[in-house]
Amino acid sequence: MILETKRLILREFQESDFEAVQKYASDPEVVRYMEFGPNTEKDTRQFLQMRMQRQIEKPRRLYDFALVLKEGDRLIGSCGIVISQPEHIEASLGYILNKDNWNQGLITEASRRMMQFAFQDLGVHRVFATCDPANIASYSVMNKIGMKREGHLREHKFAKGKWRDSLIYSILEHEFTFK
């Protein structure tokens, strides 16, 4: 499965992606707000194996794509949708990007394409996403793609040895602008 945007190819992960994934997943600055990381090489190999196994699941609930720059054919991150509640046709959005590519609008571009895929191809009704309240870049992306802030979840995740808050954003199918 392959999706495209103006500057990106969103494709399935493969074993040969190890070095590029390890570069961003082992970077403490990149994973500062994530529940995982910094990754060891073993962690990254396990991640890739799990992603490849989930590509063939039936019914499929995880669509996590490698983000590849068209110019230079270089993997720079990932963006995905997880069907979290099939009975309610609800999905969650997630993303991560190599810091060499921050502040270029690439995650906004990829996330918009993932939401288009979720609404048009998967028949999802609602997409939500969460982020750490200190992660200004992440909630800025959510705002740019039309998501609305629903609330502030207090200490609902235990990650990296501490309780963490999250902001929650969502968008409904009829609110999404297909461009």
Protein backbone atom coordinates (compact mmCIF):
# COMPACT_ATOMS: atom_id res chain seq x y z
CA MET A 1 0.00 0.00 0.00
CA ILE A 2 1.35 3.41 -0.97
CA LEU A 3 -0.08 6.89 -0.39
CA GLU A 4 1.40 10.10 -1.78
CA THR A 5 1.47 13.81 -1.09
CA LYS A 6 3.23 16.61 -2.92
CA ARG A 7 6.56 15.91 -1.19
CA LEU A 8 6.12 12.50 0.43
CA ILE A 9 5.57 8.84 -0.23
CA LEU A 10 3.83 7.02 2.62
CA ARG A 11 4.59 3.31 2.31
CA GLU A 12 4.70 0.14 4.37
CA PHE A 13 7.74 -0.42 6.58
CA GLN A 14 10.34 -3.00 5.52
CA GLU A 15 13.46 -4.49 7.13
CA SER A 16 15.78 -2.30 5.08
CA ASP A 17 14.37 0.74 6.93
CA PHE A 18 16.33 -0.16 10.06
CA GLU A 19 19.06 2.53 9.89
CA ALA A 20 16.67 5.39 9.15
CA VAL A 21 14.21 4.34 11.86
CA GLN A 22 17.02 3.82 14.37
CA LYS A 23 18.30 7.33 13.63
CA TYR A 24 15.10 9.05 14.76
CA ALA A 25 13.87 6.48 17.31
CA SER A 26 17.16 6.54 19.25
CA ASP A 27 17.38 10.34 19.37
CA PRO A 28 16.40 11.55 22.88
CA GLU A 29 15.22 14.90 21.51
CA VAL A 30 12.92 13.27 18.94
CA VAL A 31 11.35 10.81 21.41
CA ARG A 32 11.19 13.21 24.37
CA TYR A 33 7.36 13.23 24.36
CA MET A 34 6.84 9.66 23.14
CA GLU A 35 5.95 6.71 25.36
CA PHE A 36 8.92 4.78 23.96
CA GLY A 37 12.59 5.40 23.46
CA PRO A 38 15.25 6.24 23.04
CA ASN A 39 15.38 2.94 21.17
CA THR A 40 18.13 0.40 21.32
CA GLU A 41 18.91 -1.44 18.08
CA LYS A 42 16.92 -4.39 19.47
CA ASP A 43 13.90 -2.12 20.11
CA THR A 44 13.99 -0.85 16.53
CA ARG A 45 14.28 -4.35 15.07
CA GLN A 46 11.29 -5.44 17.18
CA PHE A 47 9.33 -2.38 16.05
CA LEU A 48 9.97 -3.18 12.37
CA GLN A 49 9.07 -6.85 12.83
CA MET A 50 5.82 -5.92 14.57
CA ARG A 51 4.91 -3.38 11.88
CA MET A 52 5.54 -5.91 9.10
CA GLN A 53 3.44 -8.54 10.90
CA ARG A 54 0.59 -6.10 11.41
CA GLN A 55 0.53 -5.28 7.67
CA ILE A 56 -1.00 -8.69 6.94
CA GLU A 57 -3.53 -8.83 9.78
CA LYS A 58 -7.13 -9.45 8.88
CA PRO A 59 -9.02 -7.37 9.71
CA ARG A 60 -6.31 -4.76 9.66
CA ARG A 61 -6.42 -2.13 12.38
CA LEU A 62 -2.95 -0.54 12.17
CA TYR A 63 -1.85 1.52 9.18
CA ASP A 64 1.55 2.91 10.15
CA PHE A 65 3.51 4.18 7.17
CA ALA A 66 7.14 5.10 6.65
CA LEU A 67 7.47 8.71 5.47
CA VAL A 68 9.83 8.93 2.54
CA LEU A 69 10.88 12.20 0.95
CA LYS A 70 10.29 12.04 -2.79
CA GLU A 71 13.35 14.22 -3.29
CA GLY A 72 16.25 11.95 -2.36
CA ASP A 73 14.15 8.87 -1.54
CA ARG A 74 15.00 9.15 2.17
CA LEU A 75 12.94 7.76 5.08
CA ILE A 76 12.43 10.54 7.63
CA GLY A 77 9.70 9.36 10.00
CA SER A 78 6.32 7.72 10.23
CA CYS A 79 2.65 8.59 10.33
CA GLY A 80 -0.17 6.23 11.10
CA ILE A 81 -3.77 5.55 11.89
CA VAL A 82 -4.94 2.90 14.36
CA ILE A 83 -8.56 1.80 14.26
CA SER A 84 -9.04 1.99 18.02
CA GLN A 85 -12.75 1.21 18.21
CA PRO A 86 -14.06 -0.57 15.12
CA GLU A 87 -17.61 -0.62 16.51
CA HIS A 88 -17.60 3.18 16.65
CA ILE A 89 -15.50 3.64 13.50
CA GLU A 90 -12.94 5.62 15.48
CA ALA A 91 -9.20 5.89 14.86
CA SER A 92 -6.19 7.53 16.44
CA LEU A 93 -3.49 9.43 14.59
CA GLY A 94 0.20 9.33 15.45
CA TYR A 95 3.43 10.60 13.94
CA ILE A 96 7.16 11.04 14.47
CA LEU A 97 9.79 12.84 12.43
CA ASN A 98 13.58 12.92 12.24
CA LYS A 99 14.66 16.27 13.72
CA ASP A 100 16.61 17.13 10.55
CA ASN A 101 13.18 17.62 8.93
CA TRP A 102 11.35 19.57 11.63
CA ASN A 103 9.62 22.87 10.82
CA GLN A 104 9.01 22.11 7.15
CA GLY A 105 5.30 21.22 7.32
CA LEU A 106 5.97 17.57 6.48
CA ILE A 107 4.02 16.08 9.40
CA THR A 108 1.09 18.38 8.65
CA GLU A 109 1.19 17.19 5.02
CA ALA A 110 1.45 13.51 5.99
CA SER A 111 -1.25 13.76 8.69
CA ARG A 112 -3.68 15.42 6.30
CA ARG A 113 -3.14 12.55 3.84
CA MET A 114 -3.60 9.95 6.59
CA MET A 115 -6.89 11.53 7.62
CA GLN A 116 -8.06 11.59 4.03
CA PHE A 117 -7.20 7.86 3.86
CA ALA A 118 -9.02 7.19 7.15
CA PHE A 119 -12.19 9.01 6.14
CA GLN A 120 -12.38 8.08 2.44
CA ASP A 121 -10.84 4.61 2.30
CA LEU A 122 -11.41 3.17 5.78
CA GLY A 123 -14.82 4.75 6.43
CA VAL A 124 -13.76 6.19 9.79
CA HIS A 125 -16.15 8.65 11.45
CA ARG A 126 -13.81 10.21 14.05
CA VAL A 127 -10.03 10.60 14.31
CA PHE A 128 -8.39 11.65 17.56
CA ALA A 129 -4.84 12.30 18.69
CA THR A 130 -3.12 13.06 21.96
CA CYS A 131 0.09 14.81 22.86
CA ASP A 132 2.01 16.02 25.87
CA PRO A 133 0.90 19.57 26.80
CA ALA A 134 4.52 20.73 26.42
CA ASN A 135 4.70 19.44 22.84
CA ILE A 136 3.77 22.66 21.08
CA ALA A 137 4.81 21.35 17.65
CA SER A 138 2.45 18.38 17.91
CA TYR A 139 -0.65 20.27 18.94
CA SER A 140 0.16 22.90 16.32
CA VAL A 141 -0.05 20.14 13.68
CA MET A 142 -3.40 19.04 15.09
CA ASN A 143 -4.73 22.59 14.86
CA LYS A 144 -3.44 23.03 11.29
CA ILE A 145 -5.21 19.88 10.07
CA GLY A 146 -8.52 21.02 11.54
CA MET A 147 -8.64 19.03 14.76
CA LYS A 148 -10.37 20.58 17.75
CA ARG A 149 -9.04 20.41 21.29
CA GLU A 150 -11.41 18.36 23.43
CA GLY A 151 -9.62 18.45 26.73
CA HIS A 152 -6.69 17.93 29.03
CA LEU A 153 -6.30 14.42 30.44
CA ARG A 154 -4.56 14.52 33.80
CA GLU A 155 -1.94 11.89 34.62
CA HIS A 156 -3.54 9.28 32.41
CA LYS A 157 -0.31 7.75 31.05
CA PHE A 158 2.61 6.30 32.95
CA ALA A 159 5.65 6.56 30.69
CA LYS A 160 9.38 6.76 31.26
CA GLY A 161 8.95 6.46 35.00
CA LYS A 162 6.38 9.20 35.59
CA TRP A 163 2.72 10.08 35.20
CA ARG A 164 2.05 12.27 32.19
CA ASP A 165 -0.80 14.49 31.11
CA SER A 166 -2.10 14.64 27.54
CA LEU A 167 -4.09 17.03 25.43
CA ILE A 168 -6.72 15.32 23.30
CA TYR A 169 -7.81 16.59 19.89
CA SER A 170 -10.27 15.19 17.36
CA ILE A 171 -11.93 15.75 14.03
CA LEU A 172 -15.12 14.27 12.59
CA GLU A 173 -15.51 13.14 9.02
CA HIS A 174 -17.90 15.96 8.13
CA GLU A 175 -15.46 18.54 9.56
CA PHE A 176 -12.48 17.43 7.48
CA THR A 177 -11.70 19.49 4.39
CA PHE A 178 -10.65 17.30 1.46
CA LYS A 179 -8.15 19.35 -0.56
